[in-house]
C-alpha atoms as a PDB file:
ATOM      1  CA  MET A   1      -5.389  11.348 -27.103  1.00  0.00           C
ATOM      2  CA  ALA A   2      -1.692  12.661 -25.661  1.00  0.00           C
ATOM      3  CA  HIS A   3      -3.536  14.062 -22.518  1.00  0.00           C
ATOM      4  CA  LYS A   4      -5.547  10.760 -21.880  1.00  0.00           C
ATOM      5  CA  LEU A   5      -1.742   9.033 -22.130  1.00  0.00           C
ATOM      6  CA  ALA A   6      -0.005  11.075 -19.642  1.00  0.00           C
ATOM      7  CA  ASP A   7      -2.963  11.161 -17.194  1.00  0.00           C
ATOM      8  CA  SER A   8      -2.960   7.273 -17.397  1.00  0.00           C
ATOM      9  CA  LEU A   9       0.881   7.463 -17.064  1.00  0.00           C
ATOM     10  CA  LEU A  10       0.492   9.348 -13.623  1.00  0.00           C
ATOM     11  CA  ARG A  11      -2.165   7.332 -12.207  1.00  0.00           C
ATOM     12  CA  MET A  12       0.079   4.535 -12.838  1.00  0.00           C
ATOM     13  CA  ILE A  13       3.386   6.137 -11.209  1.00  0.00           C
ATOM     14  CA  ASP A  14       1.552   8.439  -8.684  1.00  0.00           C
ATOM     15  CA  SER A  15      -1.049   6.430  -6.618  1.00  0.00           C
ATOM     16  CA  ASP A  16      -1.815  10.089  -4.882  1.00  0.00           C
ATOM     17  CA  TYR A  17      -2.984  11.233  -8.100  1.00  0.00           C
ATOM     18  CA  PHE A  18      -6.599  11.978  -8.638  1.00  0.00           C
ATOM     19  CA  PRO A  19      -7.190  15.035 -10.355  1.00  0.00           C
ATOM     20  CA  GLU A  20     -10.982  15.137  -9.353  1.00  0.00           C
ATOM     21  CA  GLY A  21     -10.545  14.381  -5.649  1.00  0.00           C
ATOM     22  CA  ALA A  22      -9.566  11.463  -3.556  1.00  0.00           C
ATOM     23  CA  ASP A  23     -12.705  12.131  -1.738  1.00  0.00           C
ATOM     24  CA  VAL A  24     -14.952  12.645  -4.920  1.00  0.00           C
ATOM     25  CA  VAL A  25     -13.212   8.985  -6.324  1.00  0.00           C
ATOM     26  CA  ARG A  26     -14.315   7.235  -2.740  1.00  0.00           C
ATOM     27  CA  THR A  27     -17.951   8.365  -3.547  1.00  0.00           C
ATOM     28  CA  LYS A  28     -18.165   6.427  -6.875  1.00  0.00           C
ATOM     29  CA  PRO A  29     -20.317   3.674  -7.152  1.00  0.00           C
ATOM     30  CA  GLU A  30     -18.592   0.233  -6.258  1.00  0.00           C
ATOM     31  CA  LYS A  31     -18.122  -1.374  -9.594  1.00  0.00           C
ATOM     32  CA  PHE A  32     -15.442  -3.902 -11.600  1.00  0.00           C
ATOM     33  CA  GLU A  33     -13.321  -1.710 -13.849  1.00  0.00           C
ATOM     34  CA  PHE A  34     -11.388  -3.141 -16.752  1.00  0.00           C
ATOM     35  CA  PHE A  35      -8.656  -0.608 -16.740  1.00  0.00           C
ATOM     36  CA  ARG A  36      -8.033  -1.401 -12.754  1.00  0.00           C
ATOM     37  CA  SER A  37      -7.794  -5.528 -13.211  1.00  0.00           C
ATOM     38  CA  VAL A  38      -5.277  -4.602 -16.069  1.00  0.00           C
ATOM     39  CA  PRO A  39      -2.254  -5.029 -13.136  1.00  0.00           C
ATOM     40  CA  PHE A  40      -3.696  -8.420 -12.015  1.00  0.00           C
ATOM     41  CA  ILE A  41      -4.263  -9.877 -15.625  1.00  0.00           C
ATOM     42  CA  ILE A  42      -0.677  -9.196 -15.941  1.00  0.00           C
ATOM     43  CA  LEU A  43       0.411 -10.684 -12.887  1.00  0.00           C
ATOM     44  CA  HIS A  44      -1.431 -13.922 -13.478  1.00  0.00           C
ATOM     45  CA  LEU A  45      -0.558 -14.246 -17.438  1.00  0.00           C
ATOM     46  CA  GLY A  46       3.351 -13.596 -16.382  1.00  0.00           C
ATOM     47  CA  CYS A  47       3.333 -16.815 -14.558  1.00  0.00           C
ATOM     48  CA  LEU A  48       2.517 -18.462 -17.905  1.00  0.00           C
ATOM     49  CA  GLY A  49       6.227 -17.355 -18.450  1.00  0.00           C
ATOM     50  CA  VAL A  50       7.254 -20.759 -17.150  1.00  0.00           C
ATOM     51  CA  ILE A  51       6.135 -22.383 -20.393  1.00  0.00           C
ATOM     52  CA  TRP A  52       9.647 -20.777 -21.701  1.00  0.00           C
ATOM     53  CA  THR A  53      11.654 -20.085 -19.691  1.00  0.00           C
ATOM     54  CA  GLY A  54      11.026 -23.867 -17.711  1.00  0.00           C
ATOM     55  CA  TRP A  55      12.020 -24.456 -14.023  1.00  0.00           C
ATOM     56  CA  SER A  56      15.302 -24.954 -12.156  1.00  0.00           C
ATOM     57  CA  TRP A  57      15.336 -25.274  -8.134  1.00  0.00           C
ATOM     58  CA  ALA A  58      17.391 -22.284  -8.025  1.00  0.00           C
ATOM     59  CA  ALA A  59      14.552 -20.533  -9.097  1.00  0.00           C
ATOM     60  CA  VAL A  60      11.588 -22.624  -6.984  1.00  0.00           C
ATOM     61  CA  ALA A  61      13.560 -21.805  -3.862  1.00  0.00           C
ATOM     62  CA  THR A  62      13.664 -18.683  -4.530  1.00  0.00           C
ATOM     63  CA  ALA A  63      10.569 -17.897  -5.208  1.00  0.00           C
ATOM     64  CA  VAL A  64       8.974 -19.745  -1.956  1.00  0.00           C
ATOM     65  CA  ALA A  65      12.090 -17.679  -0.150  1.00  0.00           C
ATOM     66  CA  LEU A  66      10.194 -14.222  -1.392  1.00  0.00           C
ATOM     67  CA  TYR A  67       6.560 -15.893  -0.253  1.00  0.00           C
ATOM     68  CA  PHE A  68       7.754 -16.670   3.052  1.00  0.00           C
ATOM     69  CA  ILE A  69       9.908 -13.139   3.245  1.00  0.00           C
ATOM     70  CA  ARG A  70       7.227 -10.829   1.931  1.00  0.00           C
ATOM     71  CA  MET A  71       4.213 -12.316   3.624  1.00  0.00           C
ATOM     72  CA  PHE A  72       6.080 -11.795   6.485  1.00  0.00           C
ATOM     73  CA  ALA A  73       6.293  -8.423   5.238  1.00  0.00           C
ATOM     74  CA  ILE A  74       2.545  -8.103   4.768  1.00  0.00           C
ATOM     75  CA  THR A  75       1.654  -9.826   8.216  1.00  0.00           C
ATOM     76  CA  GLY A  76       4.184  -8.920  10.817  1.00  0.00           C
ATOM     77  CA  LEU A  77       4.846  -5.343   9.218  1.00  0.00           C
ATOM     78  CA  TYR A  78       1.962  -3.707   6.941  1.00  0.00           C
ATOM     79  CA  HIS A  79      -0.653  -5.649   9.389  1.00  0.00           C
ATOM     80  CA  ARG A  80       1.117  -5.935  13.093  1.00  0.00           C
ATOM     81  CA  TYR A  81       3.187  -2.988  12.968  1.00  0.00           C
ATOM     82  CA  PHE A  82       1.577  -0.518  10.550  1.00  0.00           C
ATOM     83  CA  CYS A  83      -2.293  -1.157  11.090  1.00  0.00           C
ATOM     84  CA  HIS A  84      -2.218  -1.949  14.646  1.00  0.00           C
ATOM     85  CA  ARG A  85       0.970  -0.618  15.945  1.00  0.00           C
ATOM     86  CA  ALA A  86       1.498  -3.806  17.924  1.00  0.00           C
ATOM     87  CA  TYR A  87       5.336  -3.008  18.896  1.00  0.00           C
ATOM     88  CA  LYS A  88       7.641  -0.315  18.510  1.00  0.00           C
ATOM     89  CA  THR A  89      10.329   0.246  16.066  1.00  0.00           C
ATOM     90  CA  SER A  90      12.889   3.143  15.250  1.00  0.00           C
ATOM     91  CA  ARG A  91      11.932   5.385  12.173  1.00  0.00           C
ATOM     92  CA  ALA A  92      15.070   3.717  10.332  1.00  0.00           C
ATOM     93  CA  ALA A  93      13.728   0.098  10.810  1.00  0.00           C
ATOM     94  CA  GLN A  94       9.920   1.620  10.023  1.00  0.00           C
ATOM     95  CA  PHE A  95      11.225   2.871   6.517  1.00  0.00           C
ATOM     96  CA  LEU A  96      12.888  -0.076   5.456  1.00  0.00           C
ATOM     97  CA  PHE A  97       9.957  -1.856   6.734  1.00  0.00           C
ATOM     98  CA  GLY A  98       7.331  -0.085   4.364  1.00  0.00           C
ATOM     99  CA  LEU A  99      10.107  -0.541   1.575  1.00  0.00           C
ATOM    100  CA  LEU A 100      10.232  -4.102   1.754  1.00  0.00           C
ATOM    101  CA  GLY A 101       6.392  -4.117   2.070  1.00  0.00           C
ATOM    102  CA  LEU A 102       6.235  -2.782  -1.110  1.00  0.00           C
ATOM    103  CA  THR A 103       7.936  -5.853  -2.808  1.00  0.00           C
ATOM    104  CA  ALA A 104       4.916  -7.707  -2.079  1.00  0.00           C
ATOM    105  CA  VAL A 105       3.203  -5.665  -4.552  1.00  0.00           C
ATOM    106  CA  GLN A 106      -0.217  -5.139  -2.220  1.00  0.00           C
ATOM    107  CA  ARG A 107       0.182  -0.935  -2.683  1.00  0.00           C
ATOM    108  CA  GLY A 108       1.934   0.994   0.064  1.00  0.00           C
ATOM    109  CA  PRO A 109       2.019   0.891   3.688  1.00  0.00           C
ATOM    110  CA  LEU A 110      -0.552   3.735   4.267  1.00  0.00           C
ATOM    111  CA  TRP A 111      -3.176   2.943   1.961  1.00  0.00           C
ATOM    112  CA  TRP A 112      -2.908  -1.176   3.204  1.00  0.00           C
ATOM    113  CA  ALA A 113      -3.523   0.418   7.026  1.00  0.00           C
ATOM    114  CA  SER A 114      -6.104   3.124   6.183  1.00  0.00           C
ATOM    115  CA  VAL A 115      -8.082  -0.245   4.351  1.00  0.00           C
ATOM    116  CA  HIS A 116      -7.573  -2.292   6.957  1.00  0.00           C
ATOM    117  CA  ARG A 117      -8.725   0.340  10.284  1.00  0.00           C
ATOM    118  CA  TYR A 118     -11.693   1.099   8.263  1.00  0.00           C
ATOM    119  CA  HIS A 119     -12.420  -3.075   7.968  1.00  0.00           C
ATOM    120  CA  HIS A 120     -11.967  -3.504  11.201  1.00  0.00           C
ATOM    121  CA  ALA A 121     -14.265  -0.085  12.282  1.00  0.00           C
ATOM    122  CA  HIS A 122     -17.281  -1.719   9.764  1.00  0.00           C
ATOM    123  CA  SER A 123     -16.145  -5.292   9.595  1.00  0.00           C
ATOM    124  CA  ASP A 124     -19.182  -7.147   7.593  1.00  0.00           C
ATOM    125  CA  GLU A 125     -21.027  -4.079   7.345  1.00  0.00           C
ATOM    126  CA  ASP A 126     -22.023  -2.617   3.823  1.00  0.00           C
ATOM    127  CA  SER A 127     -19.425  -0.063   3.925  1.00  0.00           C
ATOM    128  CA  ASP A 128     -16.809  -2.730   4.493  1.00  0.00           C
ATOM    129  CA  ALA A 129     -14.839  -2.798   1.037  1.00  0.00           C
ATOM    130  CA  HIS A 130     -14.041  -6.780   1.310  1.00  0.00           C
ATOM    131  CA  SER A 131     -16.708  -8.456   3.114  1.00  0.00           C
ATOM    132  CA  PRO A 132     -17.618 -11.970   1.455  1.00  0.00           C
ATOM    133  CA  VAL A 133     -21.235 -11.617   3.869  1.00  0.00           C
ATOM    134  CA  CYS A 134     -22.212  -8.719   2.289  1.00  0.00           C
ATOM    135  CA  LYS A 135     -20.288  -8.231  -1.517  1.00  0.00           C
ATOM    136  CA  GLY A 136     -20.056 -12.188  -2.175  1.00  0.00           C
ATOM    137  CA  PHE A 137     -16.853 -14.760  -2.092  1.00  0.00           C
ATOM    138  CA  ILE A 138     -15.313 -12.862  -5.283  1.00  0.00           C
ATOM    139  CA  TRP A 139     -15.764  -9.964  -4.541  1.00  0.00           C
ATOM    140  CA  SER A 140     -13.989  -9.952  -1.119  1.00  0.00           C
ATOM    141  CA  HIS A 141     -11.239 -11.754  -2.547  1.00  0.00           C
ATOM    142  CA  ILE A 142     -10.404  -9.857  -5.352  1.00  0.00           C
ATOM    143  CA  GLY A 143     -13.399  -7.788  -7.193  1.00  0.00           C
ATOM    144  CA  TRP A 144     -12.668  -4.573  -4.451  1.00  0.00           C
ATOM    145  CA  LEU A 145      -9.512  -4.212  -5.737  1.00  0.00           C
ATOM    146  CA  THR A 146     -10.698  -3.155  -9.306  1.00  0.00           C
ATOM    147  CA  SER A 147     -12.857  -0.411  -8.507  1.00  0.00           C
ATOM    148  CA  SER A 148     -11.807   3.145  -8.065  1.00  0.00           C
ATOM    149  CA  ARG A 149     -13.896   4.140  -5.239  1.00  0.00           C
ATOM    150  CA  ASN A 150     -11.085   1.719  -3.251  1.00  0.00           C
ATOM    151  CA  PHE A 151      -8.041   3.226  -4.439  1.00  0.00           C
ATOM    152  CA  PRO A 152      -7.277   6.598  -2.550  1.00  0.00           C
ATOM    153  CA  THR A 153      -5.971   6.220   0.415  1.00  0.00           C
ATOM    154  CA  ASP A 154      -7.882   7.642   3.186  1.00  0.00           C
ATOM    155  CA  TYR A 155      -4.936   9.653   5.202  1.00  0.00           C
ATOM    156  CA  LYS A 156      -7.921  10.259   8.421  1.00  0.00           C
ATOM    157  CA  MET A 157      -7.518   7.113   9.440  1.00  0.00           C
ATOM    158  CA  VAL A 158      -3.571   6.876   9.261  1.00  0.00           C
ATOM    159  CA  ARG A 159      -2.722  10.324  10.785  1.00  0.00           C
ATOM    160  CA  ASP A 160      -0.308   8.625  12.953  1.00  0.00           C
ATOM    161  CA  LEU A 161       1.866   7.057  10.116  1.00  0.00           C
ATOM    162  CA  GLN A 162       0.916  10.433   7.958  1.00  0.00           C
ATOM    163  CA  LYS A 163       3.454  12.868   9.843  1.00  0.00           C
ATOM    164  CA  PHE A 164       6.382  10.940   8.589  1.00  0.00           C
ATOM    165  CA  PRO A 165       6.802  12.395   4.758  1.00  0.00           C
ATOM    166  CA  GLU A 166       9.044   9.177   4.158  1.00  0.00           C
ATOM    167  CA  LEU A 167       6.379   6.970   4.663  1.00  0.00           C
ATOM    168  CA  VAL A 168       3.966   9.302   2.262  1.00  0.00           C
ATOM    169  CA  PHE A 169       6.234   9.066  -0.289  1.00  0.00           C
ATOM    170  CA  LEU A 170       6.818   5.342  -0.691  1.00  0.00           C
ATOM    171  CA  ASN A 171       2.572   5.260  -0.076  1.00  0.00           C
ATOM    172  CA  ARG A 172       2.347   7.545  -3.573  1.00  0.00           C
ATOM    173  CA  PHE A 173       5.074   5.566  -5.702  1.00  0.00           C
ATOM    174  CA  ASP A 174       5.142   2.416  -4.250  1.00  0.00           C
ATOM    175  CA  LEU A 175       6.110   0.664  -8.041  1.00  0.00           C
ATOM    176  CA  ILE A 176       9.083   1.417  -6.502  1.00  0.00           C
ATOM    177  CA  GLY A 177       8.737  -1.624  -4.862  1.00  0.00           C
ATOM    178  CA  PRO A 178       8.174  -4.339  -7.422  1.00  0.00           C
ATOM    179  CA  LEU A 179      10.968  -2.526  -9.812  1.00  0.00           C
ATOM    180  CA  LEU A 180      13.409  -3.229  -7.522  1.00  0.00           C
ATOM    181  CA  LEU A 181      12.334  -6.789  -6.722  1.00  0.00           C
ATOM    182  CA  LEU A 182      12.310  -7.473 -10.989  1.00  0.00           C
ATOM    183  CA  GLY A 183      15.946  -5.461 -11.119  1.00  0.00           C
ATOM    184  CA  PHE A 184      17.063  -7.773  -8.303  1.00  0.00           C
ATOM    185  CA  LEU A 185      15.491 -10.981  -9.528  1.00  0.00           C
ATOM    186  CA  ALA A 186      17.313  -9.632 -13.087  1.00  0.00           C
ATOM    187  CA  ILE A 187      20.667  -9.505 -11.369  1.00  0.00           C
ATOM    188  CA  TRP A 188      20.053 -12.353  -9.020  1.00  0.00           C
ATOM    189  CA  GLY A 189      19.431 -14.794 -11.892  1.00  0.00           C
ATOM    190  CA  ALA A 190      22.174 -13.381 -14.176  1.00  0.00           C
ATOM    191  CA  LEU A 191      24.900 -13.947 -11.367  1.00  0.00           C
ATOM    192  CA  LEU A 192      23.672 -17.687 -11.238  1.00  0.00           C
ATOM    193  CA  GLN A 193      24.000 -17.883 -14.728  1.00  0.00           C
ATOM    194  CA  ALA A 194      27.537 -16.501 -14.256  1.00  0.00           C
ATOM    195  CA  VAL A 195      28.865 -18.196 -11.507  1.00  0.00           C
ATOM    196  CA  SER A 196      27.193 -21.856 -11.349  1.00  0.00           C
ATOM    197  CA  PRO A 197      25.931 -22.135 -14.702  1.00  0.00           C
ATOM    198  CA  GLY A 198      25.162 -26.036 -13.792  1.00  0.00           C
ATOM    199  CA  LEU A 199      21.685 -24.526 -12.026  1.00  0.00           C
ATOM    200  CA  GLY A 200      20.203 -24.123 -15.354  1.00  0.00           C
ATOM    201  CA  THR A 201      18.494 -21.020 -14.301  1.00  0.00           C
ATOM    202  CA  ASP A 202      19.011 -17.172 -15.980  1.00  0.00           C
ATOM    203  CA  PRO A 203      17.047 -13.791 -15.457  1.00  0.00           C
ATOM    204  CA  TRP A 204      14.167 -14.512 -16.933  1.00  0.00           C
ATOM    205  CA  GLN A 205      13.768 -17.871 -14.955  1.00  0.00           C
ATOM    206  CA  MET A 206      14.179 -16.161 -11.601  1.00  0.00           C
ATOM    207  CA  ILE A 207      11.620 -13.197 -12.876  1.00  0.00           C
ATOM    208  CA  VAL A 208       8.873 -15.676 -13.556  1.00  0.00           C
ATOM    209  CA  TRP A 209       9.370 -17.439 -10.389  1.00  0.00           C
ATOM    210  CA  GLY A 210      10.443 -14.961  -8.218  1.00  0.00           C
ATOM    211  CA  PHE A 211       8.059 -12.068  -9.323  1.00  0.00           C
ATOM    212  CA  PHE A 212       5.307 -13.564 -10.904  1.00  0.00           C
ATOM    213  CA  ILE A 213       4.537 -16.900  -9.317  1.00  0.00           C
ATOM    214  CA  SER A 214       5.614 -16.100  -6.112  1.00  0.00           C
ATOM    215  CA  THR A 215       3.443 -12.701  -5.809  1.00  0.00           C
ATOM    216  CA  THR A 216       0.368 -14.033  -7.520  1.00  0.00           C
ATOM    217  CA  VAL A 217       0.291 -16.812  -5.036  1.00  0.00           C
ATOM    218  CA  LEU A 218       0.897 -14.331  -1.935  1.00  0.00           C
ATOM    219  CA  PHE A 219      -1.512 -12.314  -3.738  1.00  0.00           C
ATOM    220  CA  HIS A 220      -3.905 -14.896  -3.258  1.00  0.00           C
ATOM    221  CA  ALA A 221      -2.884 -16.092   0.280  1.00  0.00           C
ATOM    222  CA  THR A 222      -3.320 -12.867   1.598  1.00  0.00           C
ATOM    223  CA  CYS A 223      -6.831 -12.180  -0.070  1.00  0.00           C
ATOM    224  CA  GLY A 224      -7.745 -15.268   1.489  1.00  0.00           C
ATOM    225  CA  VAL A 225      -7.875 -13.824   5.037  1.00  0.00           C
ATOM    226  CA  ASN A 226     -10.544 -11.156   3.714  1.00  0.00           C
ATOM    227  CA  SER A 227     -12.761 -14.053   1.919  1.00  0.00           C
ATOM    228  CA  PHE A 228     -12.189 -17.542   3.658  1.00  0.00           C
ATOM    229  CA  ALA A 229     -11.321 -16.008   6.924  1.00  0.00           C
ATOM    230  CA  HIS A 230     -15.047 -14.547   7.049  1.00  0.00           C
ATOM    231  CA  THR A 231     -16.340 -17.778   5.624  1.00  0.00           C
ATOM    232  CA  LEU A 232     -14.359 -20.956   6.801  1.00  0.00           C
ATOM    233  CA  GLY A 233     -13.167 -21.700  10.476  1.00  0.00           C
ATOM    234  CA  SER A 234     -14.529 -21.867  13.753  1.00  0.00           C
ATOM    235  CA  LYS A 235     -15.436 -18.869  16.222  1.00  0.00           C
ATOM    236  CA  ARG A 236     -14.203 -18.593  19.717  1.00  0.00           C
ATOM    237  CA  PHE A 237     -15.021 -15.097  20.453  1.00  0.00           C
ATOM    238  CA  PRO A 238     -18.544 -13.174  19.821  1.00  0.00           C
ATOM    239  CA  THR A 239     -16.721 -10.608  17.686  1.00  0.00           C
ATOM    240  CA  GLY A 240     -20.298  -9.061  15.948  1.00  0.00           C
ATOM    241  CA  ASP A 241     -19.033 -10.360  12.422  1.00  0.00           C
ATOM    242  CA  GLU A 242     -17.937 -13.870  11.121  1.00  0.00           C
ATOM    243  CA  SER A 243     -14.318 -13.907  11.951  1.00  0.00           C
ATOM    244  CA  ARG A 244     -13.194 -17.149  11.994  1.00  0.00           C
ATOM    245  CA  ASN A 245      -9.888 -19.307  13.004  1.00  0.00           C
ATOM    246  CA  SER A 246      -8.469 -21.654  10.746  1.00  0.00           C
ATOM    247  CA  LEU A 247      -5.017 -23.357  10.887  1.00  0.00           C
ATOM    248  CA  VAL A 248      -4.735 -24.058   7.241  1.00  0.00           C
ATOM    249  CA  LEU A 249      -5.026 -20.325   6.440  1.00  0.00           C
ATOM    250  CA  ALA A 250      -2.661 -19.496   9.677  1.00  0.00           C
ATOM    251  CA  LEU A 251      -0.282 -21.926   7.801  1.00  0.00           C
ATOM    252  CA  PHE A 252       0.065 -20.110   4.475  1.00  0.00           C
ATOM    253  CA  THR A 253      -0.250 -16.519   5.823  1.00  0.00           C
ATOM    254  CA  LEU A 254       2.261 -17.375   9.064  1.00  0.00           C
ATOM    255  CA  GLY A 255      -0.336 -16.773  11.385  1.00  0.00           C
ATOM    256  CA  GLU A 256      -3.149 -14.635  10.162  1.00  0.00           C
ATOM    257  CA  GLY A 257      -5.550 -17.245  10.071  1.00  0.00           C
ATOM    258  CA  TRP A 258      -6.413 -16.905  13.781  1.00  0.00           C
ATOM    259  CA  HIS A 259      -8.744 -14.235  12.362  1.00  0.00           C
ATOM    260  CA  ASN A 260     -11.451 -14.571  15.137  1.00  0.00           C
ATOM    261  CA  ASN A 261      -8.830 -14.113  17.720  1.00  0.00           C
ATOM    262  CA  HIS A 262      -7.932 -11.117  16.184  1.00  0.00           C
ATOM    263  CA  HIS A 263     -11.034  -9.314  15.585  1.00  0.00           C
ATOM    264  CA  HIS A 264     -11.739 -10.050  19.574  1.00  0.00           C
ATOM    265  CA  TYR A 265      -8.434  -8.206  20.569  1.00  0.00           C
ATOM    266  CA  GLN A 266      -6.706  -6.077  17.901  1.00  0.00           C
ATOM    267  CA  ALA A 267      -4.033  -4.560  19.635  1.00  0.00           C
ATOM    268  CA  SER A 268      -1.974  -7.657  20.114  1.00  0.00           C
ATOM    269  CA  ALA A 269       0.988  -8.738  18.075  1.00  0.00           C
ATOM    270  CA  ARG A 270       0.175 -11.824  18.602  1.00  0.00           C
ATOM    271  CA  GLN A 271      -2.955 -14.011  16.741  1.00  0.00           C
ATOM    272  CA  GLY A 272      -2.141 -17.361  17.749  1.00  0.00           C
ATOM    273  CA  PHE A 273      -3.107 -16.586  21.475  1.00  0.00           C
ATOM    274  CA  TYR A 274      -2.490 -20.023  22.933  1.00  0.00           C
ATOM    275  CA  TRP A 275       0.555 -21.874  22.925  1.00  0.00           C
ATOM    276  CA  TRP A 276      -0.840 -24.239  20.013  1.00  0.00           C
ATOM    277  CA  GLU A 277      -1.904 -21.609  17.624  1.00  0.00           C
ATOM    278  CA  ILE A 278       0.988 -21.894  15.305  1.00  0.00           C
ATOM    279  CA  ASP A 279       1.759 -18.029  14.697  1.00  0.00           C
ATOM    280  CA  ILE A 280       4.819 -17.790  12.301  1.00  0.00           C
ATOM    281  CA  SER A 281       4.776 -13.723  11.968  1.00  0.00           C
ATOM    282  CA  TYR A 282       4.801 -13.400  16.046  1.00  0.00           C
ATOM    283  CA  TYR A 283       7.623 -15.774  16.537  1.00  0.00           C
ATOM    284  CA  ILE A 284       9.892 -13.138  13.920  1.00  0.00           C
ATOM    285  CA  ILE A 285       8.494 -10.206  15.782  1.00  0.00           C
ATOM    286  CA  ARG A 286      10.045 -12.092  18.806  1.00  0.00           C
ATOM    287  CA  LEU A 287      13.204 -12.746  17.446  1.00  0.00           C
ATOM    288  CA  LEU A 288      13.359  -9.335  15.831  1.00  0.00           C
ATOM    289  CA  GLY A 289      12.428  -8.129  19.642  1.00  0.00           C
ATOM    290  CA  ALA A 290      15.276  -9.757  21.001  1.00  0.00           C
ATOM    291  CA  LEU A 291      17.922  -8.731  18.411  1.00  0.00           C
ATOM    292  CA  GLY A 292      16.963  -4.900  19.510  1.00  0.00           C
ATOM    293  CA  ILE A 293      15.071  -3.830  16.514  1.00  0.00           C
ATOM    294  CA  VAL A 294      11.768  -3.975  17.926  1.00  0.00           C
ATOM    295  CA  TRP A 295      10.500  -3.598  20.970  1.00  0.00           C
ATOM    296  CA  GLU A 296       7.811  -2.865  23.428  1.00  0.00           C
ATOM    297  CA  ILE A 297       5.803  -5.792  21.839  1.00  0.00           C
ATOM    298  CA  LYS A 298       2.146  -5.769  23.124  1.00  0.00           C
ATOM    299  CA  GLY A 299       0.780  -9.414  24.320  1.00  0.00           C
ATOM    300  CA  VAL A 300      -2.683 -10.867  24.805  1.00  0.00           C
ATOM    301  CA  PRO A 301      -3.692 -10.115  28.244  1.00  0.00           C
ATOM    302  CA  GLN A 302      -4.738 -12.461  30.765  1.00  0.00           C
ATOM    303  CA  LYS A 303      -8.653 -11.312  31.009  1.00  0.00           C
ATOM    304  CA  VAL A 304      -8.904 -11.657  27.462  1.00  0.00           C
ATOM    305  CA  LEU A 305      -7.464 -15.395  27.119  1.00  0.00           C
ATOM    306  CA  GLU A 306      -9.638 -16.385  30.393  1.00  0.00           C
ATOM    307  CA  SER A 307     -13.061 -14.971  28.838  1.00  0.00           C
ATOM    308  CA  ALA A 308     -12.543 -17.494  25.981  1.00  0.00           C
ATOM    309  CA  PRO A 309     -14.745 -20.569  25.888  1.00  0.00           C
ATOM    310  CA  GLY A 310     -13.122 -22.846  28.763  1.00  0.00           C
ATOM    311  CA  GLY A 311     -11.632 -19.605  30.645  1.00  0.00           C
ATOM    312  CA  LYS A 312      -8.139 -19.602  32.521  1.00  0.00           C
ATOM    313  CA  PHE A 313      -7.140 -23.197  30.375  1.00  0.00           C
ATOM    314  CA  ALA A 314      -6.399 -20.514  27.663  1.00  0.00           C
ATOM    315  CA  GLY A 315      -2.755 -19.655  27.503  1.00  0.00           C
ATOM    316  CA  ARG A 316      -1.261 -22.127  28.813  1.00  0.00           C
END
């Protein structure tokens, strides 16, 4: 019993802890596992805490702000930087990008990048972990995250990132992010309660809104790129898969809804290829570029724009 408890604790703390070997785990049958679903159940049940904590404008504003900050951490940092290297930055900023990404509670940057790179290589094929075309909508949205075979980081897919030991550390011990966020929210709630009691907030209310509610909405919006972006929307480019463009999804995900564009040309930091396609993550990346935090931001080549139906009208 003690051995099993210790094993479970190690699995929770160290994301690279696989006694049987990561390669063995990746060959396991793809199936729902209750143990792997427990964190998601806790995350969703935590939202019910609002029954006891109530709400305040301060708590709601914090939840909304954390949603957008952490959505950019996923879209602009995890996705466009770590997965696609669509721009360059310093090693120190790279570490901070990874740390900020951990607070989104979507595991480590190397795991995220390895899964996503494999997705692009095998989009909507049987081996694609989250294809709604091959495995159904629910599985693509959340089911694939409950299967052990999808948990090990495939370091072969991220050799360019693996050479940074600080990123490997963040990837292994990804609980650092959620714990830092919980600590911040507890302190923030206590500070507001002490300084401005009229705001009607406290540490527990901040945790319920800033962590559980904000993170749950963030999680489903991000997963919507796997599920909705391969089932609903328009297809501008023939990509050989079911990737689609959606303005609604782009608004919720700060630009990730232009998914067919992205699958057609993955290297760009810009996924809303044309001026009318709102891509907030790209605007923020450009701002970071103006501040000198990032550089060599990759755009969309004119020949790619002209290959779309309508040709040279594109990009104006």
